[in-house]
């Protein structure tokens, strides 16, 4: 889910239904991503991320890559 001002994007990592719009209804916010700082800031609630994967949620490729990078960085 995109937030932030024009040309200054920030993103929320959310759990949503497949039918929902990009910035529409969501079930839960599980993290955030700020690409404007160096290095890019990723904050993820890994406990909730793993829970949603356990109940059948499918992460997008972008979210999967962000979480993988976040977990590697510590």
PDB file of N, CA and C in Angstrom:
ATOM      1  N   UNK A   1       0.845  -1.162   0.000  1.00  0.00           N
ATOM      2  CA  UNK A   1       0.000   0.000   0.000  1.00  0.00           C
ATOM      3  C   UNK A   1       0.893   1.228   0.000  1.00  0.00           C
ATOM      4  N   UNK A   2       0.710   2.109  -0.974  1.00  0.00           N
ATOM      5  CA  UNK A   2       1.555   3.292  -1.097  1.00  0.00           C
ATOM      6  C   UNK A   2       1.015   4.421  -0.243  1.00  0.00           C
ATOM      7  N   UNK A   3       1.917   5.088   0.468  1.00  0.00           N
ATOM      8  CA  UNK A   3       1.588   6.290   1.210  1.00  0.00           C
ATOM      9  C   UNK A   3       2.675   7.311   0.917  1.00  0.00           C
ATOM     10  N   UNK A   4       2.618   8.457   1.551  1.00  0.00           N
ATOM     11  CA  UNK A   4       3.654   9.461   1.360  1.00  0.00           C
ATOM     12  C   UNK A   4       3.239  10.510   0.349  1.00  0.00           C
ATOM     13  N   UNK A   5       4.056  11.541   0.247  1.00  0.00           N
ATOM     14  CA  UNK A   5       3.768  12.657  -0.634  1.00  0.00           C
ATOM     15  C   UNK A   5       4.190  12.333  -2.070  1.00  0.00           C
ATOM     16  N   UNK A   6       3.862  13.251  -2.952  1.00  0.00           N
ATOM     17  CA  UNK A   6       4.234  13.111  -4.355  1.00  0.00           C
ATOM     18  C   UNK A   6       5.755  13.036  -4.474  1.00  0.00           C
ATOM     19  N   UNK A   7       6.237  12.045  -5.199  1.00  0.00           N
ATOM     20  CA  UNK A   7       7.660  11.786  -5.425  1.00  0.00           C
ATOM     21  C   UNK A   7       8.431  11.459  -4.147  1.00  0.00           C
ATOM     22  N   UNK A   8       7.729  11.123  -3.064  1.00  0.00           N
ATOM     23  CA  UNK A   8       8.353  10.684  -1.824  1.00  0.00           C
ATOM     24  C   UNK A   8       7.581   9.478  -1.288  1.00  0.00           C
ATOM     25  N   UNK A   9       7.648   8.356  -2.000  1.00  0.00           N
ATOM     26  CA  UNK A   9       6.815   7.217  -1.603  1.00  0.00           C
ATOM     27  C   UNK A   9       7.307   6.540  -0.331  1.00  0.00           C
ATOM     28  N   UNK A  10       6.354   6.039   0.403  1.00  0.00           N
ATOM     29  CA  UNK A  10       6.575   5.145   1.523  1.00  0.00           C
ATOM     30  C   UNK A  10       5.522   4.062   1.346  1.00  0.00           C
ATOM     31  N   UNK A  11       5.824   2.877   1.799  1.00  0.00           N
ATOM     32  CA  UNK A  11       4.908   1.761   1.580  1.00  0.00           C
ATOM     33  C   UNK A  11       4.618   1.057   2.887  1.00  0.00           C
ATOM     34  N   UNK A  12       3.370   0.614   3.025  1.00  0.00           N
ATOM     35  CA  UNK A  12       2.988  -0.243   4.136  1.00  0.00           C
ATOM     36  C   UNK A  12       2.899  -1.655   3.597  1.00  0.00           C
ATOM     37  N   UNK A  13       3.407  -2.596   4.358  1.00  0.00           N
ATOM     38  CA  UNK A  13       3.274  -4.005   3.991  1.00  0.00           C
ATOM     39  C   UNK A  13       2.004  -4.485   4.685  1.00  0.00           C
ATOM     40  N   UNK A  14       0.997  -4.831   3.884  1.00  0.00           N
ATOM     41  CA  UNK A  14      -0.307  -5.166   4.440  1.00  0.00           C
ATOM     42  C   UNK A  14      -0.759  -6.549   3.992  1.00  0.00           C
ATOM     43  N   UNK A  15      -1.672  -7.107   4.771  1.00  0.00           N
ATOM     44  CA  UNK A  15      -2.353  -8.342   4.405  1.00  0.00           C
ATOM     45  C   UNK A  15      -3.703  -7.916   3.850  1.00  0.00           C
ATOM     46  N   UNK A  16      -4.015  -8.373   2.651  1.00  0.00           N
ATOM     47  CA  UNK A  16      -5.248  -7.948   1.995  1.00  0.00           C
ATOM     48  C   UNK A  16      -5.841  -9.096   1.200  1.00  0.00           C
ATOM     49  N   UNK A  17      -7.109  -8.954   0.863  1.00  0.00           N
ATOM     50  CA  UNK A  17      -7.771  -9.908  -0.002  1.00  0.00           C
ATOM     51  C   UNK A  17      -7.286  -9.695  -1.431  1.00  0.00           C
ATOM     52  N   UNK A  18      -7.272 -10.726  -2.211  1.00  0.00           N
ATOM     53  CA  UNK A  18      -6.808 -10.621  -3.590  1.00  0.00           C
ATOM     54  C   UNK A  18      -7.691  -9.685  -4.418  1.00  0.00           C
ATOM     55  N   UNK A  19      -8.971  -9.579  -4.061  1.00  0.00           N
ATOM     56  CA  UNK A  19      -9.896  -8.761  -4.821  1.00  0.00           C
ATOM     57  C   UNK A  19      -9.828  -7.271  -4.457  1.00  0.00           C
ATOM     58  N   UNK A  20      -9.158  -6.908  -3.358  1.00  0.00           N
ATOM     59  CA  UNK A  20      -9.113  -5.512  -2.916  1.00  0.00           C
ATOM     60  C   UNK A  20      -8.223  -4.680  -3.829  1.00  0.00           C
ATOM     61  N   UNK A  21      -8.518  -3.391  -3.906  1.00  0.00           N
ATOM     62  CA  UNK A  21      -7.711  -2.472  -4.696  1.00  0.00           C
ATOM     63  C   UNK A  21      -6.355  -2.271  -4.041  1.00  0.00           C
ATOM     64  N   UNK A  22      -5.419  -1.665  -4.779  1.00  0.00           N
ATOM     65  CA  UNK A  22      -4.058  -1.484  -4.275  1.00  0.00           C
ATOM     66  C   UNK A  22      -4.051  -0.748  -2.937  1.00  0.00           C
ATOM     67  N   UNK A  23      -4.721   0.378  -2.849  1.00  0.00           N
ATOM     68  CA  UNK A  23      -4.764   1.147  -1.608  1.00  0.00           C
ATOM     69  C   UNK A  23      -6.122   1.025  -0.926  1.00  0.00           C
ATOM     70  N   UNK A  24      -6.836  -0.051  -1.198  1.00  0.00           N
ATOM     71  CA  UNK A  24      -8.172  -0.244  -0.637  1.00  0.00           C
ATOM     72  C   UNK A  24      -8.141  -0.935   0.710  1.00  0.00           C
ATOM     73  N   UNK A  25      -9.195  -1.676   0.971  1.00  0.00           N
ATOM     74  CA  UNK A  25      -9.355  -2.335   2.265  1.00  0.00           C
ATOM     75  C   UNK A  25      -8.252  -3.363   2.505  1.00  0.00           C
ATOM     76  N   UNK A  26      -7.740  -3.390   3.723  1.00  0.00           N
ATOM     77  CA  UNK A  26      -6.733  -4.373   4.095  1.00  0.00           C
ATOM     78  C   UNK A  26      -7.115  -5.001   5.428  1.00  0.00           C
ATOM     79  N   UNK A  27      -6.522  -6.140   5.716  1.00  0.00           N
ATOM     80  CA  UNK A  27      -6.840  -6.871   6.937  1.00  0.00           C
ATOM     81  C   UNK A  27      -5.929  -6.420   8.075  1.00  0.00           C
ATOM     82  N   UNK A  28      -4.627  -6.297   7.791  1.00  0.00           N
ATOM     83  CA  UNK A  28      -3.666  -5.967   8.847  1.00  0.00           C
ATOM     84  C   UNK A  28      -2.416  -5.350   8.234  1.00  0.00           C
ATOM     85  N   UNK A  29      -1.841  -4.375   8.938  1.00  0.00           N
ATOM     86  CA  UNK A  29      -0.545  -3.812   8.550  1.00  0.00           C
ATOM     87  C   UNK A  29       0.517  -4.622   9.284  1.00  0.00           C
ATOM     88  N   UNK A  30       1.456  -5.207   8.535  1.00  0.00           N
ATOM     89  CA  UNK A  30       2.496  -6.013   9.185  1.00  0.00           C
ATOM     90  C   UNK A  30       3.891  -5.426   9.029  1.00  0.00           C
ATOM     91  N   UNK A  31       4.003  -4.276   8.358  1.00  0.00           N
ATOM     92  CA  UNK A  31       5.319  -3.669   8.223  1.00  0.00           C
ATOM     93  C   UNK A  31       5.282  -2.414   7.388  1.00  0.00           C
ATOM     94  N   UNK A  32       6.475  -1.855   7.180  1.00  0.00           N
ATOM     95  CA  UNK A  32       6.600  -0.667   6.345  1.00  0.00           C
ATOM     96  C   UNK A  32       7.944  -0.672   5.635  1.00  0.00           C
ATOM     97  N   UNK A  33       8.001   0.062   4.521  1.00  0.00           N
ATOM     98  CA  UNK A  33       9.199   0.128   3.683  1.00  0.00           C
ATOM     99  C   UNK A  33       9.381   1.565   3.233  1.00  0.00           C
ATOM    100  N   UNK A  34      10.561   2.127   3.485  1.00  0.00           N
ATOM    101  CA  UNK A  34      10.876   3.490   3.074  1.00  0.00           C
ATOM    102  C   UNK A  34      12.093   3.440   2.159  1.00  0.00           C
ATOM    103  N   UNK A  35      11.896   3.590   0.833  1.00  0.00           N
ATOM    104  CA  UNK A  35      13.023   3.525  -0.097  1.00  0.00           C
ATOM    105  C   UNK A  35      13.789   4.837  -0.214  1.00  0.00           C
ATOM    106  N   UNK A  36      13.341   5.906   0.471  1.00  0.00           N
ATOM    107  CA  UNK A  36      13.946   7.221   0.318  1.00  0.00           C
ATOM    108  C   UNK A  36      15.192   7.444   1.157  1.00  0.00           C
ATOM    109  N   UNK A  37      15.470   6.585   2.113  1.00  0.00           N
ATOM    110  CA  UNK A  37      16.667   6.732   2.946  1.00  0.00           C
ATOM    111  C   UNK A  37      17.726   5.753   2.457  1.00  0.00           C
ATOM    112  N   UNK A  38      18.963   6.035   2.794  1.00  0.00           N
ATOM    113  CA  UNK A  38      20.048   5.158   2.357  1.00  0.00           C
ATOM    114  C   UNK A  38      20.735   4.577   3.576  1.00  0.00           C
ATOM    115  N   UNK A  39      20.698   3.292   3.820  1.00  0.00           N
ATOM    116  CA  UNK A  39      20.026   2.241   3.056  1.00  0.00           C
ATOM    117  C   UNK A  39      18.518   2.267   3.296  1.00  0.00           C
ATOM    118  N   UNK A  40      17.777   1.662   2.381  1.00  0.00           N
ATOM    119  CA  UNK A  40      16.316   1.632   2.480  1.00  0.00           C
ATOM    120  C   UNK A  40      15.904   0.983   3.798  1.00  0.00           C
ATOM    121  N   UNK A  41      14.882   1.550   4.430  1.00  0.00           N
ATOM    122  CA  UNK A  41      14.444   1.071   5.743  1.00  0.00           C
ATOM    123  C   UNK A  41      13.269   0.115   5.574  1.00  0.00           C
ATOM    124  N   UNK A  42      13.421  -1.095   6.105  1.00  0.00           N
ATOM    125  CA  UNK A  42      12.356  -2.106   6.071  1.00  0.00           C
ATOM    126  C   UNK A  42      12.087  -2.537   7.505  1.00  0.00           C
ATOM    127  N   UNK A  43      10.834  -2.456   7.921  1.00  0.00           N
ATOM    128  CA  UNK A  43      10.422  -2.904   9.249  1.00  0.00           C
ATOM    129  C   UNK A  43       9.286  -3.892   9.044  1.00  0.00           C
ATOM    130  N   UNK A  44       9.461  -5.117   9.536  1.00  0.00           N
ATOM    131  CA  UNK A  44       8.447  -6.160   9.347  1.00  0.00           C
ATOM    132  C   UNK A  44       8.219  -6.882  10.668  1.00  0.00           C
ATOM    133  N   UNK A  45       6.957  -7.111  11.005  1.00  0.00           N
ATOM    134  CA  UNK A  45       6.609  -7.934  12.154  1.00  0.00           C
ATOM    135  C   UNK A  45       6.669  -9.383  11.671  1.00  0.00           C
ATOM    136  N   UNK A  46       7.815 -10.019  11.843  1.00  0.00           N
ATOM    137  CA  UNK A  46       8.027 -11.356  11.283  1.00  0.00           C
ATOM    138  C   UNK A  46       7.093 -12.400  11.888  1.00  0.00           C
ATOM    139  N   UNK A  47       6.697 -12.200  13.137  1.00  0.00           N
ATOM    140  CA  UNK A  47       5.774 -13.149  13.763  1.00  0.00           C
ATOM    141  C   UNK A  47       4.438 -13.164  13.018  1.00  0.00           C
ATOM    142  N   UNK A  48       3.900 -11.976  12.728  1.00  0.00           N
ATOM    143  CA  UNK A  48       2.637 -11.897  11.998  1.00  0.00           C
ATOM    144  C   UNK A  48       2.813 -12.330  10.541  1.00  0.00           C
ATOM    145  N   UNK A  49       3.950 -12.013   9.938  1.00  0.00           N
ATOM    146  CA  UNK A  49       4.236 -12.432   8.563  1.00  0.00           C
ATOM    147  C   UNK A  49       4.205 -13.951   8.464  1.00  0.00           C
ATOM    148  N   UNK A  50       4.870 -14.623   9.381  1.00  0.00           N
ATOM    149  CA  UNK A  50       4.892 -16.090   9.375  1.00  0.00           C
ATOM    150  C   UNK A  50       3.495 -16.674   9.659  1.00  0.00           C
ATOM    151  N   UNK A  51       2.739 -16.002  10.542  1.00  0.00           N
ATOM    152  CA  UNK A  51       1.369 -16.469  10.820  1.00  0.00           C
ATOM    153  C   UNK A  51       0.545 -16.462   9.537  1.00  0.00           C
ATOM    154  N   UNK A  52       0.572 -15.350   8.808  1.00  0.00           N
ATOM    155  CA  UNK A  52      -0.237 -15.249   7.596  1.00  0.00           C
ATOM    156  C   UNK A  52       0.216 -16.231   6.526  1.00  0.00           C
ATOM    157  N   UNK A  53       1.510 -16.478   6.443  1.00  0.00           N
ATOM    158  CA  UNK A  53       1.982 -17.507   5.509  1.00  0.00           C
ATOM    159  C   UNK A  53       1.450 -18.879   5.923  1.00  0.00           C
ATOM    160  N   UNK A  54       1.405 -19.111   7.230  1.00  0.00           N
ATOM    161  CA  UNK A  54       0.922 -20.383   7.755  1.00  0.00           C
ATOM    162  C   UNK A  54      -0.538 -20.651   7.471  1.00  0.00           C
ATOM    163  N   UNK A  55      -1.338 -19.596   7.356  1.00  0.00           N
ATOM    164  CA  UNK A  55      -2.767 -19.792   7.096  1.00  0.00           C
ATOM    165  C   UNK A  55      -3.091 -19.660   5.612  1.00  0.00           C
ATOM    166  N   UNK A  56      -2.063 -19.588   4.764  1.00  0.00           N
ATOM    167  CA  UNK A  56      -2.289 -19.663   3.327  1.00  0.00           C
ATOM    168  C   UNK A  56      -2.107 -18.381   2.539  1.00  0.00           C
ATOM    169  N   UNK A  57      -1.642 -17.318   3.165  1.00  0.00           N
ATOM    170  CA  UNK A  57      -1.440 -16.063   2.426  1.00  0.00           C
ATOM    171  C   UNK A  57      -0.281 -16.223   1.447  1.00  0.00           C
ATOM    172  N   UNK A  58      -0.359 -15.536   0.322  1.00  0.00           N
ATOM    173  CA  UNK A  58       0.677 -15.571  -0.708  1.00  0.00           C
ATOM    174  C   UNK A  58       1.332 -14.195  -0.797  1.00  0.00           C
ATOM    175  N   UNK A  59       2.617 -14.061  -0.426  1.00  0.00           N
ATOM    176  CA  UNK A  59       3.262 -12.750  -0.546  1.00  0.00           C
ATOM    177  C   UNK A  59       3.557 -12.429  -2.011  1.00  0.00           C
ATOM    178  N   UNK A  60       3.542 -11.131  -2.333  1.00  0.00           N
ATOM    179  CA  UNK A  60       3.952 -10.731  -3.671  1.00  0.00           C
ATOM    180  C   UNK A  60       5.459 -10.933  -3.770  1.00  0.00           C
ATOM    181  N   UNK A  61       5.980 -10.963  -4.981  1.00  0.00           N
ATOM    182  CA  UNK A  61       7.419 -11.140  -5.161  1.00  0.00           C
ATOM    183  C   UNK A  61       8.188 -10.015  -4.472  1.00  0.00           C
ATOM    184  N   UNK A  62       7.684  -8.792  -4.568  1.00  0.00           N
ATOM    185  CA  UNK A  62       8.343  -7.645  -3.950  1.00  0.00           C
ATOM    186  C   UNK A  62       8.400  -7.799  -2.435  1.00  0.00           C
ATOM    187  N   UNK A  63       7.283  -8.156  -1.817  1.00  0.00           N
ATOM    188  CA  UNK A  63       7.254  -8.334  -0.365  1.00  0.00           C
ATOM    189  C   UNK A  63       8.150  -9.487   0.041  1.00  0.00           C
ATOM    190  N   UNK A  64       8.119 -10.574  -0.703  1.00  0.00           N
ATOM    191  CA  UNK A  64       8.976 -11.720  -0.406  1.00  0.00           C
ATOM    192  C   UNK A  64      10.450 -11.301  -0.406  1.00  0.00           C
ATOM    193  N   UNK A  65      10.869 -10.543  -1.437  1.00  0.00           N
ATOM    194  CA  UNK A  65      12.253 -10.091  -1.533  1.00  0.00           C
ATOM    195  C   UNK A  65      12.614  -9.127  -0.407  1.00  0.00           C
ATOM    196  N   UNK A  66      11.702  -8.212  -0.056  1.00  0.00           N
ATOM    197  CA  UNK A  66      11.960  -7.272   1.033  1.00  0.00           C
ATOM    198  C   UNK A  66      12.133  -7.988   2.362  1.00  0.00           C
ATOM    199  N   UNK A  67      11.259  -8.926   2.654  1.00  0.00           N
ATOM    200  CA  UNK A  67      11.330  -9.657   3.925  1.00  0.00           C
ATOM    201  C   UNK A  67      12.593 -10.500   3.970  1.00  0.00           C
ATOM    202  N   UNK A  68      12.957 -11.116   2.841  1.00  0.00           N
ATOM    203  CA  UNK A  68      14.173 -11.925   2.796  1.00  0.00           C
ATOM    204  C   UNK A  68      15.391 -11.055   3.095  1.00  0.00           C
ATOM    205  N   UNK A  69      15.440  -9.863   2.483  1.00  0.00           N
ATOM    206  CA  UNK A  69      16.555  -8.942   2.698  1.00  0.00           C
ATOM    207  C   UNK A  69      16.567  -8.453   4.151  1.00  0.00           C
ATOM    208  N   UNK A  70      15.381  -8.164   4.705  1.00  0.00           N
ATOM    209  CA  UNK A  70      15.259  -7.696   6.085  1.00  0.00           C
ATOM    210  C   UNK A  70      15.740  -8.760   7.074  1.00  0.00           C
ATOM    211  N   UNK A  71      15.343 -10.014   6.853  1.00  0.00           N
ATOM    212  CA  UNK A  71      15.740 -11.084   7.768  1.00  0.00           C
ATOM    213  C   UNK A  71      17.244 -11.342   7.690  1.00  0.00           C
ATOM    214  N   UNK A  72      17.825 -11.217   6.496  1.00  0.00           N
ATOM    215  CA  UNK A  72      19.255 -11.413   6.326  1.00  0.00           C
ATOM    216  C   UNK A  72      20.040 -10.319   7.044  1.00  0.00           C
ATOM    217  N   UNK A  73      19.541  -9.069   6.980  1.00  0.00           N
ATOM    218  CA  UNK A  73      20.227  -7.933   7.587  1.00  0.00           C
ATOM    219  C   UNK A  73      20.122  -7.968   9.105  1.00  0.00           C
ATOM    220  N   UNK A  74      19.109  -8.643   9.618  1.00  0.00           N
ATOM    221  CA  UNK A  74      19.002  -8.814  11.056  1.00  0.00           C
ATOM    222  C   UNK A  74      18.036  -7.895  11.655  1.00  0.00           C
TER     223      UNK A  74
END
